[in-house]
Amino acid sequence: MGKIVWLLGVIAAVWCVLDIFKRPWDLVKKIIVAVLVLAFSWVGFIVYYLIKEKL
């Protein structure tokens, strides 16, 4: 069960990173947000989707 949750977290993080690089932000902001999402997996995924329109 743990591997399934981990795999879903990885998929969600990659999906977020792809969404981040589609946005019209400057490159530095994209890289910082992408690293944070990948570093914090589920928490980064949730926080990103809660604040993505405010960035």
N, C-alpha and C. Protein backbone atom coordinates (compact mmCIF):
# COMPACT_ATOMS: atom_id res chain seq x y z
N MET A 1 0.82 -1.20 0.00
CA MET A 1 0.00 0.00 0.00
C MET A 1 0.87 1.26 0.00
N GLY A 2 1.97 1.21 0.72
CA GLY A 2 2.87 2.35 0.78
C GLY A 2 3.48 2.70 -0.57
N LYS A 3 3.79 1.67 -1.35
CA LYS A 3 4.36 1.92 -2.67
C LYS A 3 3.36 2.59 -3.60
N ILE A 4 2.10 2.24 -3.46
CA ILE A 4 1.05 2.86 -4.29
C ILE A 4 0.93 4.34 -3.94
N VAL A 5 0.92 4.66 -2.65
CA VAL A 5 0.83 6.06 -2.23
C VAL A 5 2.06 6.82 -2.70
N TRP A 6 3.23 6.22 -2.58
CA TRP A 6 4.46 6.86 -3.04
C TRP A 6 4.41 7.10 -4.55
N LEU A 7 3.97 6.11 -5.31
CA LEU A 7 3.89 6.24 -6.76
C LEU A 7 2.90 7.33 -7.16
N LEU A 8 1.77 7.40 -6.49
CA LEU A 8 0.81 8.47 -6.76
C LEU A 8 1.40 9.84 -6.43
N GLY A 9 2.18 9.92 -5.38
CA GLY A 9 2.85 11.17 -5.03
C GLY A 9 3.85 11.60 -6.09
N VAL A 10 4.59 10.66 -6.62
CA VAL A 10 5.55 10.97 -7.68
C VAL A 10 4.83 11.44 -8.94
N ILE A 11 3.76 10.75 -9.30
CA ILE A 11 2.98 11.14 -10.47
C ILE A 11 2.39 12.54 -10.29
N ALA A 12 1.85 12.82 -9.11
CA ALA A 12 1.28 14.14 -8.83
C ALA A 12 2.36 15.22 -8.90
N ALA A 13 3.54 14.94 -8.37
CA ALA A 13 4.62 15.93 -8.39
C ALA A 13 5.08 16.21 -9.81
N VAL A 14 5.22 15.17 -10.62
CA VAL A 14 5.63 15.36 -12.02
C VAL A 14 4.56 16.14 -12.77
N TRP A 15 3.31 15.84 -12.51
CA TRP A 15 2.21 16.56 -13.15
C TRP A 15 2.27 18.05 -12.80
N CYS A 16 2.55 18.34 -11.53
CA CYS A 16 2.69 19.73 -11.09
C CYS A 16 3.84 20.42 -11.79
N VAL A 17 4.96 19.76 -11.89
CA VAL A 17 6.14 20.36 -12.53
C VAL A 17 5.83 20.66 -14.00
N LEU A 18 5.16 19.77 -14.68
CA LEU A 18 4.78 20.03 -16.07
C LEU A 18 3.84 21.24 -16.15
N ASP A 19 2.92 21.35 -15.21
CA ASP A 19 2.01 22.50 -15.17
C ASP A 19 2.77 23.79 -14.86
N ILE A 20 3.75 23.71 -13.99
CA ILE A 20 4.55 24.89 -13.64
C ILE A 20 5.27 25.43 -14.87
N PHE A 21 5.85 24.55 -15.67
CA PHE A 21 6.62 25.01 -16.82
C PHE A 21 5.75 25.44 -17.99
N LYS A 22 4.45 25.24 -17.92
CA LYS A 22 3.53 25.76 -18.93
C LYS A 22 3.08 27.18 -18.61
N ARG A 23 3.29 27.61 -17.39
CA ARG A 23 2.83 28.94 -16.96
C ARG A 23 3.78 30.03 -17.44
N PRO A 24 3.24 31.25 -17.64
CA PRO A 24 4.07 32.35 -18.16
C PRO A 24 4.85 33.08 -17.07
N TRP A 25 5.50 32.37 -16.18
CA TRP A 25 6.31 32.96 -15.12
C TRP A 25 7.74 33.06 -15.60
N ASP A 26 8.55 33.82 -14.88
CA ASP A 26 9.97 33.86 -15.23
C ASP A 26 10.63 32.54 -14.81
N LEU A 27 11.75 32.26 -15.43
CA LEU A 27 12.40 30.96 -15.26
C LEU A 27 12.82 30.70 -13.82
N VAL A 28 13.29 31.71 -13.12
CA VAL A 28 13.75 31.53 -11.75
C VAL A 28 12.58 31.09 -10.85
N LYS A 29 11.43 31.73 -11.00
CA LYS A 29 10.26 31.36 -10.20
C LYS A 29 9.82 29.93 -10.53
N LYS A 30 9.86 29.56 -11.81
CA LYS A 30 9.49 28.20 -12.21
C LYS A 30 10.40 27.16 -11.55
N ILE A 31 11.70 27.43 -11.56
CA ILE A 31 12.65 26.48 -10.99
C ILE A 31 12.47 26.36 -9.49
N ILE A 32 12.30 27.48 -8.81
CA ILE A 32 12.13 27.45 -7.35
C ILE A 32 10.87 26.68 -6.96
N VAL A 33 9.77 26.97 -7.63
CA VAL A 33 8.51 26.29 -7.31
C VAL A 33 8.60 24.81 -7.66
N ALA A 34 9.21 24.47 -8.78
CA ALA A 34 9.35 23.06 -9.17
C ALA A 34 10.19 22.28 -8.16
N VAL A 35 11.28 22.86 -7.71
CA VAL A 35 12.14 22.19 -6.72
C VAL A 35 11.38 21.98 -5.41
N LEU A 36 10.63 22.99 -4.99
CA LEU A 36 9.86 22.86 -3.75
C LEU A 36 8.78 21.78 -3.87
N VAL A 37 8.10 21.74 -5.00
CA VAL A 37 7.07 20.71 -5.20
C VAL A 37 7.70 19.32 -5.19
N LEU A 38 8.82 19.16 -5.87
CA LEU A 38 9.47 17.84 -5.90
C LEU A 38 10.04 17.46 -4.54
N ALA A 39 10.53 18.44 -3.80
CA ALA A 39 11.14 18.14 -2.50
C ALA A 39 10.09 17.73 -1.46
N PHE A 40 8.92 18.32 -1.54
CA PHE A 40 7.91 18.07 -0.51
C PHE A 40 6.74 17.22 -1.00
N SER A 41 6.86 16.62 -2.18
CA SER A 41 5.91 15.68 -2.75
C SER A 41 4.45 16.06 -2.50
N TRP A 42 3.75 15.31 -1.64
CA TRP A 42 2.32 15.53 -1.43
C TRP A 42 2.02 16.91 -0.86
N VAL A 43 2.80 17.35 0.09
CA VAL A 43 2.57 18.67 0.69
C VAL A 43 2.80 19.75 -0.37
N GLY A 44 3.87 19.63 -1.14
CA GLY A 44 4.15 20.58 -2.20
C GLY A 44 3.07 20.60 -3.26
N PHE A 45 2.56 19.42 -3.59
CA PHE A 45 1.47 19.29 -4.56
C PHE A 45 0.22 20.02 -4.08
N ILE A 46 -0.15 19.81 -2.84
CA ILE A 46 -1.36 20.44 -2.28
C ILE A 46 -1.18 21.94 -2.17
N VAL A 47 -0.05 22.38 -1.65
CA VAL A 47 0.19 23.82 -1.50
C VAL A 47 0.22 24.50 -2.87
N TYR A 48 0.85 23.88 -3.85
CA TYR A 48 0.91 24.46 -5.19
C TYR A 48 -0.49 24.67 -5.74
N TYR A 49 -1.35 23.68 -5.65
CA TYR A 49 -2.68 23.81 -6.21
C TYR A 49 -3.57 24.75 -5.42
N LEU A 50 -3.24 25.01 -4.18
CA LEU A 50 -4.00 25.99 -3.41
C LEU A 50 -3.58 27.43 -3.73
N ILE A 51 -2.31 27.63 -4.09
CA ILE A 51 -1.83 28.99 -4.31
C ILE A 51 -1.38 29.29 -5.74
N LYS A 52 -1.59 28.38 -6.67
CA LYS A 52 -1.05 28.58 -8.02
C LYS A 52 -1.58 29.82 -8.72
N GLU A 53 -2.80 30.22 -8.46
CA GLU A 53 -3.36 31.40 -9.11
C GLU A 53 -2.84 32.69 -8.49
N LYS A 54 -2.31 32.61 -7.27
CA LYS A 54 -1.82 33.80 -6.58
C LYS A 54 -0.37 34.12 -6.91
N LEU A 55 0.36 33.16 -7.50
CA LEU A 55 1.77 33.38 -7.81
C LEU A 55 1.94 34.23 -9.04
